[in-house]
Amino acid sequence: MDRRTHERLPVNLKVEFYCNHREYFGTIINLSEEGMYITTNEMCFPFDSEFEVSLPLSEDMVNIHVKVKRITKSGECYDGIGVALVEPSEKYMDYVSSLKSTA
């Protein structure tokens, strides 16, 4: 049974984020009103970490406060994180709505 209350929308957004005073880069491959899944080549932060993700929406960078809810592993490498949005901005919610209307 799927626990998600909102449909995940496929995207390909390059993002940067900071956790424990370290910069990371990744790609959001899907998102919704409540969360997103980010792939990355390197991770070294614990489950339940909170940090800001910088998203390039339109001509602005939008910072979204998130909390790690899931960590995925391929082989020996942790390469993805599912995050819940702690404080989604109005711009982010508008962006998700625009994706839904064109899907």
PDB file of N, CA and C in Angstrom:
ATOM      1  N   MET A   1       0.840  -1.188   0.000  1.00  0.00           N
ATOM      2  CA  MET A   1       0.000   0.000   0.000  1.00  0.00           C
ATOM      3  C   MET A   1       0.882   1.248   0.000  1.00  0.00           C
ATOM      4  N   ASP A   2       0.576   2.175  -0.873  1.00  0.00           N
ATOM      5  CA  ASP A   2       1.349   3.416  -0.983  1.00  0.00           C
ATOM      6  C   ASP A   2       0.908   4.381   0.112  1.00  0.00           C
ATOM      7  N   ARG A   3       1.866   4.898   0.896  1.00  0.00           N
ATOM      8  CA  ARG A   3       1.557   5.802   2.002  1.00  0.00           C
ATOM      9  C   ARG A   3       1.491   7.254   1.564  1.00  0.00           C
ATOM     10  N   ARG A   4       1.833   7.552   0.349  1.00  0.00           N
ATOM     11  CA  ARG A   4       1.846   8.947  -0.099  1.00  0.00           C
ATOM     12  C   ARG A   4       0.433   9.468  -0.312  1.00  0.00           C
ATOM     13  N   THR A   5       0.219  10.702   0.084  1.00  0.00           N
ATOM     14  CA  THR A   5      -1.090  11.319  -0.114  1.00  0.00           C
ATOM     15  C   THR A   5      -1.120  12.191  -1.362  1.00  0.00           C
ATOM     16  N   HIS A   6       0.047  12.483  -1.929  1.00  0.00           N
ATOM     17  CA  HIS A   6       0.130  13.309  -3.132  1.00  0.00           C
ATOM     18  C   HIS A   6       0.911  12.569  -4.212  1.00  0.00           C
ATOM     19  N   GLU A   7       0.449  12.735  -5.441  1.00  0.00           N
ATOM     20  CA  GLU A   7       1.114  12.116  -6.590  1.00  0.00           C
ATOM     21  C   GLU A   7       2.519  12.693  -6.775  1.00  0.00           C
ATOM     22  N   ARG A   8       3.483  11.808  -7.038  1.00  0.00           N
ATOM     23  CA  ARG A   8       4.851  12.251  -7.356  1.00  0.00           C
ATOM     24  C   ARG A   8       4.912  12.580  -8.840  1.00  0.00           C
ATOM     25  N   LEU A   9       5.507  13.704  -9.150  1.00  0.00           N
ATOM     26  CA  LEU A   9       5.626  14.162 -10.532  1.00  0.00           C
ATOM     27  C   LEU A   9       7.076  14.028 -10.974  1.00  0.00           C
ATOM     28  N   PRO A  10       7.321  13.416 -12.140  1.00  0.00           N
ATOM     29  CA  PRO A  10       8.705  13.256 -12.606  1.00  0.00           C
ATOM     30  C   PRO A  10       9.293  14.593 -13.052  1.00  0.00           C
ATOM     31  N   VAL A  11      10.529  14.848 -12.634  1.00  0.00           N
ATOM     32  CA  VAL A  11      11.254  16.058 -13.024  1.00  0.00           C
ATOM     33  C   VAL A  11      12.725  15.701 -13.184  1.00  0.00           C
ATOM     34  N   ASN A  12      13.501  16.656 -13.600  1.00  0.00           N
ATOM     35  CA  ASN A  12      14.955  16.493 -13.695  1.00  0.00           C
ATOM     36  C   ASN A  12      15.569  17.850 -13.348  1.00  0.00           C
ATOM     37  N   LEU A  13      15.618  18.150 -12.041  1.00  0.00           N
ATOM     38  CA  LEU A  13      16.095  19.453 -11.572  1.00  0.00           C
ATOM     39  C   LEU A  13      17.421  19.302 -10.849  1.00  0.00           C
ATOM     40  N   LYS A  14      18.423  20.000 -11.330  1.00  0.00           N
ATOM     41  CA  LYS A  14      19.719  20.021 -10.641  1.00  0.00           C
ATOM     42  C   LYS A  14      19.590  20.922  -9.416  1.00  0.00           C
ATOM     43  N   VAL A  15      20.056  20.433  -8.272  1.00  0.00           N
ATOM     44  CA  VAL A  15      19.947  21.196  -7.031  1.00  0.00           C
ATOM     45  C   VAL A  15      21.254  21.145  -6.253  1.00  0.00           C
ATOM     46  N   GLU A  16      21.359  22.068  -5.319  1.00  0.00           N
ATOM     47  CA  GLU A  16      22.466  22.017  -4.362  1.00  0.00           C
ATOM     48  C   GLU A  16      21.859  22.122  -2.978  1.00  0.00           C
ATOM     49  N   PHE A  17      22.550  21.519  -2.019  1.00  0.00           N
ATOM     50  CA  PHE A  17      22.067  21.568  -0.649  1.00  0.00           C
ATOM     51  C   PHE A  17      23.244  21.466   0.301  1.00  0.00           C
ATOM     52  N   TYR A  18      23.009  21.919   1.512  1.00  0.00           N
ATOM     53  CA  TYR A  18      24.053  21.963   2.533  1.00  0.00           C
ATOM     54  C   TYR A  18      23.589  21.191   3.756  1.00  0.00           C
ATOM     55  N   CYS A  19      24.466  20.332   4.265  1.00  0.00           N
ATOM     56  CA  CYS A  19      24.173  19.590   5.481  1.00  0.00           C
ATOM     57  C   CYS A  19      25.471  19.449   6.257  1.00  0.00           C
ATOM     58  N   ASN A  20      25.436  19.765   7.531  1.00  0.00           N
ATOM     59  CA  ASN A  20      26.639  19.713   8.374  1.00  0.00           C
ATOM     60  C   ASN A  20      27.782  20.540   7.792  1.00  0.00           C
ATOM     61  N   HIS A  21      27.459  21.729   7.308  1.00  0.00           N
ATOM     62  CA  HIS A  21      28.440  22.689   6.772  1.00  0.00           C
ATOM     63  C   HIS A  21      29.165  22.162   5.539  1.00  0.00           C
ATOM     64  N   ARG A  22      28.538  21.272   4.790  1.00  0.00           N
ATOM     65  CA  ARG A  22      29.143  20.732   3.578  1.00  0.00           C
ATOM     66  C   ARG A  22      28.162  20.884   2.421  1.00  0.00           C
ATOM     67  N   GLU A  23      28.692  21.235   1.253  1.00  0.00           N
ATOM     68  CA  GLU A  23      27.862  21.418   0.063  1.00  0.00           C
ATOM     69  C   GLU A  23      27.737  20.100  -0.695  1.00  0.00           C
ATOM     70  N   TYR A  24      26.520  19.806  -1.145  1.00  0.00           N
ATOM     71  CA  TYR A  24      26.232  18.618  -1.947  1.00  0.00           C
ATOM     72  C   TYR A  24      25.519  19.055  -3.216  1.00  0.00           C
ATOM     73  N   PHE A  25      25.602  18.216  -4.237  1.00  0.00           N
ATOM     74  CA  PHE A  25      24.884  18.446  -5.484  1.00  0.00           C
ATOM     75  C   PHE A  25      24.070  17.201  -5.791  1.00  0.00           C
ATOM     76  N   GLY A  26      22.918  17.394  -6.403  1.00  0.00           N
ATOM     77  CA  GLY A  26      22.082  16.258  -6.738  1.00  0.00           C
ATOM     78  C   GLY A  26      21.077  16.618  -7.804  1.00  0.00           C
ATOM     79  N   THR A  27      20.192  15.663  -8.074  1.00  0.00           N
ATOM     80  CA  THR A  27      19.133  15.842  -9.053  1.00  0.00           C
ATOM     81  C   THR A  27      17.819  15.376  -8.447  1.00  0.00           C
ATOM     82  N   ILE A  28      16.830  16.253  -8.449  1.00  0.00           N
ATOM     83  CA  ILE A  28      15.490  15.843  -8.025  1.00  0.00           C
ATOM     84  C   ILE A  28      14.882  15.094  -9.198  1.00  0.00           C
ATOM     85  N   ILE A  29      14.453  13.840  -8.957  1.00  0.00           N
ATOM     86  CA  ILE A  29      13.859  13.066 -10.048  1.00  0.00           C
ATOM     87  C   ILE A  29      12.340  12.959  -9.925  1.00  0.00           C
ATOM     88  N   ASN A  30      11.803  13.247  -8.733  1.00  0.00           N
ATOM     89  CA  ASN A  30      10.357  13.381  -8.607  1.00  0.00           C
ATOM     90  C   ASN A  30      10.040  14.240  -7.393  1.00  0.00           C
ATOM     91  N   LEU A  31       8.858  14.841  -7.432  1.00  0.00           N
ATOM     92  CA  LEU A  31       8.460  15.719  -6.332  1.00  0.00           C
ATOM     93  C   LEU A  31       6.951  15.760  -6.197  1.00  0.00           C
ATOM     94  N   SER A  32       6.501  16.267  -5.064  1.00  0.00           N
ATOM     95  CA  SER A  32       5.077  16.465  -4.803  1.00  0.00           C
ATOM     96  C   SER A  32       4.930  17.653  -3.858  1.00  0.00           C
ATOM     97  N   GLU A  33       3.693  17.887  -3.420  1.00  0.00           N
ATOM     98  CA  GLU A  33       3.443  18.972  -2.478  1.00  0.00           C
ATOM     99  C   GLU A  33       4.082  18.718  -1.115  1.00  0.00           C
ATOM    100  N   GLU A  34       4.409  17.456  -0.827  1.00  0.00           N
ATOM    101  CA  GLU A  34       4.914  17.110   0.503  1.00  0.00           C
ATOM    102  C   GLU A  34       6.354  16.632   0.537  1.00  0.00           C
ATOM    103  N   GLY A  35       6.942  16.333  -0.632  1.00  0.00           N
ATOM    104  CA  GLY A  35       8.296  15.797  -0.597  1.00  0.00           C
ATOM    105  C   GLY A  35       8.940  15.704  -1.961  1.00  0.00           C
ATOM    106  N   MET A  36      10.160  15.140  -1.964  1.00  0.00           N
ATOM    107  CA  MET A  36      10.901  14.959  -3.211  1.00  0.00           C
ATOM    108  C   MET A  36      11.932  13.854  -3.024  1.00  0.00           C
ATOM    109  N   TYR A  37      12.379  13.313  -4.157  1.00  0.00           N
ATOM    110  CA  TYR A  37      13.437  12.307  -4.130  1.00  0.00           C
ATOM    111  C   TYR A  37      14.637  12.885  -4.867  1.00  0.00           C
ATOM    112  N   ILE A  38      15.793  12.881  -4.192  1.00  0.00           N
ATOM    113  CA  ILE A  38      17.017  13.477  -4.733  1.00  0.00           C
ATOM    114  C   ILE A  38      18.070  12.398  -4.904  1.00  0.00           C
ATOM    115  N   THR A  39      18.620  12.285  -6.118  1.00  0.00           N
ATOM    116  CA  THR A  39      19.756  11.390  -6.327  1.00  0.00           C
ATOM    117  C   THR A  39      21.033  12.207  -6.190  1.00  0.00           C
ATOM    118  N   THR A  40      22.066  11.571  -5.671  1.00  0.00           N
ATOM    119  CA  THR A  40      23.346  12.246  -5.476  1.00  0.00           C
ATOM    120  C   THR A  40      24.457  11.211  -5.487  1.00  0.00           C
ATOM    121  N   ASN A  41      25.658  11.617  -5.831  1.00  0.00           N
ATOM    122  CA  ASN A  41      26.785  10.688  -5.889  1.00  0.00           C
ATOM    123  C   ASN A  41      27.443  10.473  -4.544  1.00  0.00           C
ATOM    124  N   GLU A  42      27.192  11.372  -3.613  1.00  0.00           N
ATOM    125  CA  GLU A  42      27.854  11.250  -2.321  1.00  0.00           C
ATOM    126  C   GLU A  42      26.944  11.744  -1.219  1.00  0.00           C
ATOM    127  N   MET A  43      26.927  11.010  -0.138  1.00  0.00           N
ATOM    128  CA  MET A  43      26.129  11.418   1.008  1.00  0.00           C
ATOM    129  C   MET A  43      26.843  10.985   2.275  1.00  0.00           C
ATOM    130  N   CYS A  44      26.812  11.811   3.274  1.00  0.00           N
ATOM    131  CA  CYS A  44      27.337  11.402   4.580  1.00  0.00           C
ATOM    132  C   CYS A  44      26.611  12.166   5.676  1.00  0.00           C
ATOM    133  N   PHE A  45      25.301  12.032   5.690  1.00  0.00           N
ATOM    134  CA  PHE A  45      24.519  12.652   6.746  1.00  0.00           C
ATOM    135  C   PHE A  45      23.451  11.669   7.207  1.00  0.00           C
ATOM    136  N   PRO A  46      23.031  11.770   8.454  1.00  0.00           N
ATOM    137  CA  PRO A  46      22.138  10.770   9.038  1.00  0.00           C
ATOM    138  C   PRO A  46      20.672  10.959   8.670  1.00  0.00           C
ATOM    139  N   PHE A  47      19.935   9.880   8.838  1.00  0.00           N
ATOM    140  CA  PHE A  47      18.487   9.887   8.722  1.00  0.00           C
ATOM    141  C   PHE A  47      17.941  10.946   9.677  1.00  0.00           C
ATOM    142  N   ASP A  48      16.881  11.602   9.309  1.00  0.00           N
ATOM    143  CA  ASP A  48      16.245  12.678  10.079  1.00  0.00           C
ATOM    144  C   ASP A  48      17.019  13.992  10.058  1.00  0.00           C
ATOM    145  N   SER A  49      18.084  14.089   9.245  1.00  0.00           N
ATOM    146  CA  SER A  49      18.785  15.367   9.090  1.00  0.00           C
ATOM    147  C   SER A  49      17.828  16.385   8.484  1.00  0.00           C
ATOM    148  N   GLU A  50      18.015  17.636   8.830  1.00  0.00           N
ATOM    149  CA  GLU A  50      17.255  18.722   8.219  1.00  0.00           C
ATOM    150  C   GLU A  50      18.228  19.674   7.553  1.00  0.00           C
ATOM    151  N   PHE A  51      17.849  20.157   6.367  1.00  0.00           N
ATOM    152  CA  PHE A  51      18.702  21.078   5.632  1.00  0.00           C
ATOM    153  C   PHE A  51      17.880  21.833   4.605  1.00  0.00           C
ATOM    154  N   GLU A  52      18.523  22.762   3.916  1.00  0.00           N
ATOM    155  CA  GLU A  52      17.887  23.558   2.867  1.00  0.00           C
ATOM    156  C   GLU A  52      18.304  23.032   1.501  1.00  0.00           C
ATOM    157  N   VAL A  53      17.329  22.891   0.605  1.00  0.00           N
ATOM    158  CA  VAL A  53      17.589  22.537  -0.787  1.00  0.00           C
ATOM    159  C   VAL A  53      17.344  23.788  -1.616  1.00  0.00           C
ATOM    160  N   SER A  54      18.298  24.138  -2.476  1.00  0.00           N
ATOM    161  CA  SER A  54      18.153  25.298  -3.363  1.00  0.00           C
ATOM    162  C   SER A  54      17.705  24.823  -4.731  1.00  0.00           C
ATOM    163  N   LEU A  55      16.487  25.215  -5.121  1.00  0.00           N
ATOM    164  CA  LEU A  55      15.902  24.806  -6.395  1.00  0.00           C
ATOM    165  C   LEU A  55      15.880  25.969  -7.372  1.00  0.00           C
ATOM    166  N   PRO A  56      16.255  25.713  -8.624  1.00  0.00           N
ATOM    167  CA  PRO A  56      16.175  26.758  -9.650  1.00  0.00           C
ATOM    168  C   PRO A  56      14.773  26.790 -10.264  1.00  0.00           C
ATOM    169  N   LEU A  57      13.881  27.599  -9.708  1.00  0.00           N
ATOM    170  CA  LEU A  57      12.524  27.711 -10.236  1.00  0.00           C
ATOM    171  C   LEU A  57      12.391  29.022 -10.989  1.00  0.00           C
ATOM    172  N   SER A  58      12.025  28.919 -12.249  1.00  0.00           N
ATOM    173  CA  SER A  58      11.935  30.080 -13.131  1.00  0.00           C
ATOM    174  C   SER A  58      13.274  30.806 -13.133  1.00  0.00           C
ATOM    175  N   GLU A  59      13.260  32.076 -12.783  1.00  0.00           N
ATOM    176  CA  GLU A  59      14.499  32.852 -12.770  1.00  0.00           C
ATOM    177  C   GLU A  59      15.059  33.001 -11.361  1.00  0.00           C
ATOM    178  N   ASP A  60      14.404  32.406 -10.388  1.00  0.00           N
ATOM    179  CA  ASP A  60      14.813  32.539  -8.994  1.00  0.00           C
ATOM    180  C   ASP A  60      15.321  31.217  -8.430  1.00  0.00           C
ATOM    181  N   MET A  61      16.179  31.325  -7.422  1.00  0.00           N
ATOM    182  CA  MET A  61      16.544  30.163  -6.617  1.00  0.00           C
ATOM    183  C   MET A  61      15.620  30.190  -5.403  1.00  0.00           C
ATOM    184  N   VAL A  62      14.979  29.070  -5.135  1.00  0.00           N
ATOM    185  CA  VAL A  62      14.068  28.971  -4.006  1.00  0.00           C
ATOM    186  C   VAL A  62      14.650  27.970  -3.014  1.00  0.00           C
ATOM    187  N   ASN A  63      14.773  28.374  -1.759  1.00  0.00           N
ATOM    188  CA  ASN A  63      15.287  27.489  -0.714  1.00  0.00           C
ATOM    189  C   ASN A  63      14.125  26.830   0.010  1.00  0.00           C
ATOM    190  N   ILE A  64      14.186  25.499   0.096  1.00  0.00           N
ATOM    191  CA  ILE A  64      13.139  24.717   0.741  1.00  0.00           C
ATOM    192  C   ILE A  64      13.746  23.954   1.911  1.00  0.00           C
ATOM    193  N   HIS A  65      13.143  24.097   3.076  1.00  0.00           N
ATOM    194  CA  HIS A  65      13.590  23.371   4.269  1.00  0.00           C
ATOM    195  C   HIS A  65      13.015  21.954   4.207  1.00  0.00           C
ATOM    196  N   VAL A  66      13.893  20.929   4.303  1.00  0.00           N
ATOM    197  CA  VAL A  66      13.470  19.530   4.185  1.00  0.00           C
ATOM    198  C   VAL A  66      14.037  18.689   5.324  1.00  0.00           C
ATOM    199  N   LYS A  67      13.457  17.497   5.473  1.00  0.00           N
ATOM    200  CA  LYS A  67      13.920  16.530   6.471  1.00  0.00           C
ATOM    201  C   LYS A  67      14.039  15.163   5.802  1.00  0.00           C
ATOM    202  N   VAL A  68      15.169  14.486   5.994  1.00  0.00           N
ATOM    203  CA  VAL A  68      15.405  13.173   5.389  1.00  0.00           C
ATOM    204  C   VAL A  68      14.462  12.148   6.014  1.00  0.00           C
ATOM    205  N   LYS A  69      13.727  11.435   5.138  1.00  0.00           N
ATOM    206  CA  LYS A  69      12.807  10.395   5.584  1.00  0.00           C
ATOM    207  C   LYS A  69      13.206   9.010   5.084  1.00  0.00           C
ATOM    208  N   ARG A  70      14.020   8.983   4.029  1.00  0.00           N
ATOM    209  CA  ARG A  70      14.420   7.698   3.454  1.00  0.00           C
ATOM    210  C   ARG A  70      15.772   7.869   2.796  1.00  0.00           C
ATOM    211  N   ILE A  71      16.630   6.864   2.949  1.00  0.00           N
ATOM    212  CA  ILE A  71      17.937   6.843   2.292  1.00  0.00           C
ATOM    213  C   ILE A  71      18.008   5.564   1.478  1.00  0.00           C
ATOM    214  N   THR A  72      18.420   5.671   0.207  1.00  0.00           N
ATOM    215  CA  THR A  72      18.510   4.483  -0.641  1.00  0.00           C
ATOM    216  C   THR A  72      19.960   4.180  -0.982  1.00  0.00           C
ATOM    217  N   LYS A  73      20.192   2.912  -1.254  1.00  0.00           N
ATOM    218  CA  LYS A  73      21.545   2.428  -1.498  1.00  0.00           C
ATOM    219  C   LYS A  73      21.556   1.587  -2.767  1.00  0.00           C
ATOM    220  N   SER A  74      22.550   1.817  -3.617  1.00  0.00           N
ATOM    221  CA  SER A  74      22.788   0.993  -4.798  1.00  0.00           C
ATOM    222  C   SER A  74      24.154   0.349  -4.614  1.00  0.00           C
ATOM    223  N   GLY A  75      24.177  -0.956  -4.453  1.00  0.00           N
ATOM    224  CA  GLY A  75      25.447  -1.620  -4.195  1.00  0.00           C
ATOM    225  C   GLY A  75      25.996  -1.175  -2.860  1.00  0.00           C
ATOM    226  N   GLU A  76      27.207  -0.657  -2.873  1.00  0.00           N
ATOM    227  CA  GLU A  76      27.861  -0.204  -1.643  1.00  0.00           C
ATOM    228  C   GLU A  76      27.704   1.292  -1.397  1.00  0.00           C
ATOM    229  N   CYS A  77      27.012   1.972  -2.301  1.00  0.00           N
ATOM    230  CA  CYS A  77      26.943   3.432  -2.248  1.00  0.00           C
ATOM    231  C   CYS A  77      25.537   3.913  -1.898  1.00  0.00           C
ATOM    232  N   TYR A  78      25.436   4.827  -0.931  1.00  0.00           N
ATOM    233  CA  TYR A  78      24.175   5.514  -0.663  1.00  0.00           C
ATOM    234  C   TYR A  78      24.049   6.624  -1.694  1.00  0.00           C
ATOM    235  N   ASP A  79      22.991   6.561  -2.491  1.00  0.00           N
ATOM    236  CA  ASP A  79      22.926   7.469  -3.633  1.00  0.00           C
ATOM    237  C   ASP A  79      21.603   8.198  -3.808  1.00  0.00           C
ATOM    238  N   GLY A  80      20.735   8.128  -2.826  1.00  0.00           N
ATOM    239  CA  GLY A  80      19.478   8.840  -2.965  1.00  0.00           C
ATOM    240  C   GLY A  80      18.808   9.074  -1.629  1.00  0.00           C
ATOM    241  N   ILE A  81      18.024  10.146  -1.569  1.00  0.00           N
ATOM    242  CA  ILE A  81      17.299  10.468  -0.344  1.00  0.00           C
ATOM    243  C   ILE A  81      15.873  10.900  -0.670  1.00  0.00           C
ATOM    244  N   GLY A  82      14.954  10.388   0.104  1.00  0.00           N
ATOM    245  CA  GLY A  82      13.584  10.858   0.068  1.00  0.00           C
ATOM    246  C   GLY A  82      13.421  11.855   1.198  1.00  0.00           C
ATOM    247  N   VAL A  83      12.946  13.035   0.883  1.00  0.00           N
ATOM    248  CA  VAL A  83      12.817  14.076   1.901  1.00  0.00           C
ATOM    249  C   VAL A  83      11.381  14.583   1.981  1.00  0.00           C
ATOM    250  N   ALA A  84      10.987  14.962   3.183  1.00  0.00           N
ATOM    251  CA  ALA A  84       9.699  15.611   3.411  1.00  0.00           C
ATOM    252  C   ALA A  84       9.937  17.108   3.512  1.00  0.00           C
ATOM    253  N   LEU A  85       9.023  17.879   2.971  1.00  0.00           N
ATOM    254  CA  LEU A  85       9.132  19.334   3.048  1.00  0.00           C
ATOM    255  C   LEU A  85       8.692  19.795   4.432  1.00  0.00           C
ATOM    256  N   VAL A  86       9.514  20.591   5.065  1.00  0.00           N
ATOM    257  CA  VAL A  86       9.188  21.118   6.387  1.00  0.00           C
ATOM    258  C   VAL A  86       8.417  22.430   6.242  1.00  0.00           C
ATOM    259  N   GLU A  87       8.883  23.290   5.361  1.00  0.00           N
ATOM    260  CA  GLU A  87       8.249  24.591   5.155  1.00  0.00           C
ATOM    261  C   GLU A  87       8.232  24.927   3.666  1.00  0.00           C
ATOM    262  N   PRO A  88       7.296  24.334   2.901  1.00  0.00           N
ATOM    263  CA  PRO A  88       7.276  24.640   1.465  1.00  0.00           C
ATOM    264  C   PRO A  88       6.867  26.088   1.217  1.00  0.00           C
ATOM    265  N   SER A  89       7.571  26.726   0.300  1.00  0.00           N
ATOM    266  CA  SER A  89       7.257  28.118  -0.027  1.00  0.00           C
ATOM    267  C   SER A  89       6.090  28.179  -1.008  1.00  0.00           C
ATOM    268  N   GLU A  90       5.508  29.351  -1.107  1.00  0.00           N
ATOM    269  CA  GLU A  90       4.411  29.553  -2.056  1.00  0.00           C
ATOM    270  C   GLU A  90       4.904  29.346  -3.487  1.00  0.00           C
ATOM    271  N   LYS A  91       6.120  29.801  -3.789  1.00  0.00           N
ATOM    272  CA  LYS A  91       6.678  29.612  -5.139  1.00  0.00           C
ATOM    273  C   LYS A  91       6.820  28.132  -5.468  1.00  0.00           C
ATOM    274  N   TYR A  92       7.252  27.338  -4.496  1.00  0.00           N
ATOM    275  CA  TYR A  92       7.385  25.896  -4.721  1.00  0.00           C
ATOM    276  C   TYR A  92       6.010  25.277  -4.993  1.00  0.00           C
ATOM    277  N   MET A  93       5.025  25.622  -4.182  1.00  0.00           N
ATOM    278  CA  MET A  93       3.684  25.067  -4.359  1.00  0.00           C
ATOM    279  C   MET A  93       3.098  25.481  -5.707  1.00  0.00           C
ATOM    280  N   ASP A  94       3.337  26.716  -6.131  1.00  0.00           N
ATOM    281  CA  ASP A  94       2.886  27.167  -7.451  1.00  0.00           C
ATOM    282  C   ASP A  94       3.563  26.359  -8.553  1.00  0.00           C
ATOM    283  N   TYR A  95       4.852  26.067  -8.380  1.00  0.00           N
ATOM    284  CA  TYR A  95       5.592  25.276  -9.362  1.00  0.00           C
ATOM    285  C   TYR A  95       4.992  23.876  -9.488  1.00  0.00           C
ATOM    286  N   VAL A  96       4.706  23.232  -8.372  1.00  0.00           N
ATOM    287  CA  VAL A  96       4.105  21.892  -8.397  1.00  0.00           C
ATOM    288  C   VAL A  96       2.739  21.947  -9.080  1.00  0.00           C
ATOM    289  N   SER A  97       1.947  22.957  -8.776  1.00  0.00           N
ATOM    290  CA  SER A  97       0.634  23.112  -9.417  1.00  0.00           C
ATOM    291  C   SER A  97       0.768  23.268 -10.919  1.00  0.00           C
ATOM    292  N   SER A  98       1.771  24.028 -11.358  1.00  0.00           N
ATOM    293  CA  SER A  98       1.964  24.218 -12.801  1.00  0.00           C
ATOM    294  C   SER A  98       2.380  22.908 -13.468  1.00  0.00           C
ATOM    295  N   LEU A  99       3.171  22.086 -12.785  1.00  0.00           N
ATOM    296  CA  LEU A  99       3.541  20.780 -13.338  1.00  0.00           C
ATOM    297  C   LEU A  99       2.322  19.878 -13.476  1.00  0.00           C
ATOM    298  N   LYS A 100       1.456  19.900 -12.480  1.00  0.00           N
ATOM    299  CA  LYS A 100       0.252  19.070 -12.518  1.00  0.00           C
ATOM    300  C   LYS A 100      -0.664  19.473 -13.664  1.00  0.00           C
ATOM    301  N   SER A 101      -0.760  20.765 -13.918  1.00  0.00           N
ATOM    302  CA  SER A 101      -1.669  21.234 -14.965  1.00  0.00           C
ATOM    303  C   SER A 101      -1.166  20.901 -16.364  1.00  0.00           C
ATOM    304  N   THR A 102       0.143  20.667 -16.505  1.00  0.00           N
ATOM    305  CA  THR A 102       0.685  20.315 -17.823  1.00  0.00           C
ATOM    306  C   THR A 102       0.895  18.816 -17.985  1.00  0.00           C
ATOM    307  N   ALA A 103       0.660  18.047 -16.924  1.00  0.00           N
ATOM    308  CA  ALA A 103       0.876  16.586 -16.983  1.00  0.00           C
ATOM    309  C   ALA A 103      -0.258  15.888 -17.689  1.00  0.00           C
TER     310      ALA A 103
END
